[in-house]
C-alpha atoms as a PDB file:
ATOM      1  CA  MET A   1     -52.255  11.813   3.124  1.00  0.00           C
ATOM      2  CA  ALA A   2     -49.190   9.590   3.423  1.00  0.00           C
ATOM      3  CA  ARG A   3     -46.203  10.786   5.366  1.00  0.00           C
ATOM      4  CA  ARG A   4     -43.067  11.492   3.418  1.00  0.00           C
ATOM      5  CA  ARG A   5     -39.997   9.519   4.323  1.00  0.00           C
ATOM      6  CA  ARG A   6     -36.865  11.427   5.100  1.00  0.00           C
ATOM      7  CA  PRO A   7     -33.898  10.709   2.870  1.00  0.00           C
ATOM      8  CA  PRO A   8     -30.998   9.018   4.680  1.00  0.00           C
ATOM      9  CA  ARG A   9     -28.357  11.380   5.912  1.00  0.00           C
ATOM     10  CA  PRO A  10     -25.020  11.428   4.099  1.00  0.00           C
ATOM     11  CA  GLY A  11     -22.549   8.990   5.609  1.00  0.00           C
ATOM     12  CA  ALA A  12     -25.205   6.862   7.282  1.00  0.00           C
ATOM     13  CA  LEU A  13     -24.015   3.652   8.883  1.00  0.00           C
ATOM     14  CA  ALA A  14     -25.866   1.539   6.343  1.00  0.00           C
ATOM     15  CA  ASP A  15     -23.549   2.875   3.631  1.00  0.00           C
ATOM     16  CA  VAL A  16     -20.369   1.890   5.434  1.00  0.00           C
ATOM     17  CA  SER A  17     -20.592  -1.722   6.527  1.00  0.00           C
ATOM     18  CA  PRO A  18     -17.632  -3.220   8.402  1.00  0.00           C
ATOM     19  CA  LEU A  19     -17.232  -5.938   5.792  1.00  0.00           C
ATOM     20  CA  ARG A  20     -16.948  -3.341   3.040  1.00  0.00           C
ATOM     21  CA  ILE A  21     -14.340  -1.381   5.005  1.00  0.00           C
ATOM     22  CA  PHE A  22     -12.349  -4.563   5.690  1.00  0.00           C
ATOM     23  CA  THR A  23     -12.504  -5.538   2.018  1.00  0.00           C
ATOM     24  CA  GLN A  24     -11.268  -2.118   0.942  1.00  0.00           C
ATOM     25  CA  ILE A  25      -8.367  -2.316   3.407  1.00  0.00           C
ATOM     26  CA  VAL A  26      -7.360  -5.755   2.123  1.00  0.00           C
ATOM     27  CA  ILE A  27      -7.539  -4.613  -1.517  1.00  0.00           C
ATOM     28  CA  LEU A  28      -5.492  -1.496  -0.759  1.00  0.00           C
ATOM     29  CA  GLN A  29      -2.812  -3.499   1.073  1.00  0.00           C
ATOM     30  CA  ALA A  30      -2.662  -6.075  -1.716  1.00  0.00           C
ATOM     31  CA  ALA A  31      -2.242  -3.346  -4.329  1.00  0.00           C
ATOM     32  CA  TYR A  32       0.480  -1.675  -2.247  1.00  0.00           C
ATOM     33  CA  TYR A  33       2.503  -4.861  -1.791  1.00  0.00           C
ATOM     34  CA  ALA A  34       2.038  -5.902  -5.420  1.00  0.00           C
ATOM     35  CA  SER A  35       3.397  -2.596  -6.705  1.00  0.00           C
ATOM     36  CA  ALA A  36       6.171  -2.658  -4.075  1.00  0.00           C
ATOM     37  CA  ALA A  37       7.164  -6.155  -5.158  1.00  0.00           C
ATOM     38  CA  VAL A  38       7.406  -5.099  -8.802  1.00  0.00           C
ATOM     39  CA  LEU A  39       9.456  -1.993  -8.014  1.00  0.00           C
ATOM     40  CA  ILE A  40      11.784  -3.689  -5.520  1.00  0.00           C
ATOM     41  CA  VAL A  41      12.397  -6.744  -7.715  1.00  0.00           C
ATOM     42  CA  PHE A  42      13.236  -4.471 -10.644  1.00  0.00           C
ATOM     43  CA  THR A  43      15.518  -2.324  -8.485  1.00  0.00           C
ATOM     44  CA  ALA A  44      17.301  -5.340  -7.006  1.00  0.00           C
ATOM     45  CA  LEU A  45      17.895  -6.850 -10.443  1.00  0.00           C
ATOM     46  CA  VAL A  46      19.208  -3.585 -11.885  1.00  0.00           C
ATOM     47  CA  ALA A  47      21.397  -2.854  -8.852  1.00  0.00           C
ATOM     48  CA  GLY A  48      22.765  -6.393  -8.803  1.00  0.00           C
ATOM     49  CA  THR A  49      21.940  -6.942  -5.139  1.00  0.00           C
ATOM     50  CA  PRO A  50      20.620 -10.275  -3.889  1.00  0.00           C
ATOM     51  CA  LEU A  51      16.851 -10.446  -3.875  1.00  0.00           C
ATOM     52  CA  ARG A  52      15.439 -11.136  -0.407  1.00  0.00           C
ATOM     53  CA  LEU A  53      11.936 -10.993   0.995  1.00  0.00           C
ATOM     54  CA  GLU A  54      13.271  -8.690   3.717  1.00  0.00           C
ATOM     55  CA  LEU A  55      13.612  -5.915   1.150  1.00  0.00           C
ATOM     56  CA  LEU A  56       9.839  -5.884   0.787  1.00  0.00           C
ATOM     57  CA  LEU A  57       8.728  -6.470   4.367  1.00  0.00           C
ATOM     58  CA  ASN A  58      11.423  -5.082   6.668  1.00  0.00           C
ATOM     59  CA  TRP A  59      12.375  -1.423   6.861  1.00  0.00           C
ATOM     60  CA  ARG A  60      15.650  -2.254   8.651  1.00  0.00           C
ATOM     61  CA  THR A  61      17.182  -3.465   5.389  1.00  0.00           C
ATOM     62  CA  VAL A  62      17.068   0.114   4.086  1.00  0.00           C
ATOM     63  CA  ARG A  63      20.357   1.581   5.223  1.00  0.00           C
ATOM     64  CA  ALA A  64      21.388   5.215   5.096  1.00  0.00           C
ATOM     65  CA  ASP A  65      25.151   4.673   4.933  1.00  0.00           C
ATOM     66  CA  ASN A  66      25.328   3.560   1.298  1.00  0.00           C
ATOM     67  CA  THR A  67      23.737   4.468  -1.987  1.00  0.00           C
ATOM     68  CA  VAL A  68      21.873   1.170  -2.346  1.00  0.00           C
ATOM     69  CA  GLY A  69      20.022   1.876   0.888  1.00  0.00           C
ATOM     70  CA  TRP A  70      19.134   5.358  -0.318  1.00  0.00           C
ATOM     71  CA  MET A  71      17.926   3.870  -3.595  1.00  0.00           C
ATOM     72  CA  TYR A  72      15.628   1.422  -1.779  1.00  0.00           C
ATOM     73  CA  ALA A  73      14.321   4.259   0.391  1.00  0.00           C
ATOM     74  CA  LEU A  74      13.531   6.218  -2.760  1.00  0.00           C
ATOM     75  CA  VAL A  75      11.743   3.174  -4.205  1.00  0.00           C
ATOM     76  CA  TRP A  76       9.616   2.916  -1.035  1.00  0.00           C
ATOM     77  CA  VAL A  77       8.689   6.602  -1.294  1.00  0.00           C
ATOM     78  CA  LEU A  78       7.887   6.186  -4.983  1.00  0.00           C
ATOM     79  CA  ASN A  79       5.703   3.195  -4.141  1.00  0.00           C
ATOM     80  CA  SER A  80       3.788   5.200  -1.555  1.00  0.00           C
ATOM     81  CA  LEU A  81       3.072   7.847  -4.197  1.00  0.00           C
ATOM     82  CA  ILE A  82       1.795   5.215  -6.626  1.00  0.00           C
END
């Protein structure tokens, strides 16, 4: 009589290859920055502020002493929820 093989345990290492994890991270980051770019470009055009790459990549451009800074902070929070 042949021996029965055990089914692989859930979460086995064969299911989670490093290349797959890296690919998922890259896709998630690309989706985040794509949606952030759309939201920030729209917000900058509506607010009439100059469009700079720093608005997308640098958190120091979000200021808390004016309403435009608060608006960009709200856009970043909205982007994280998306």
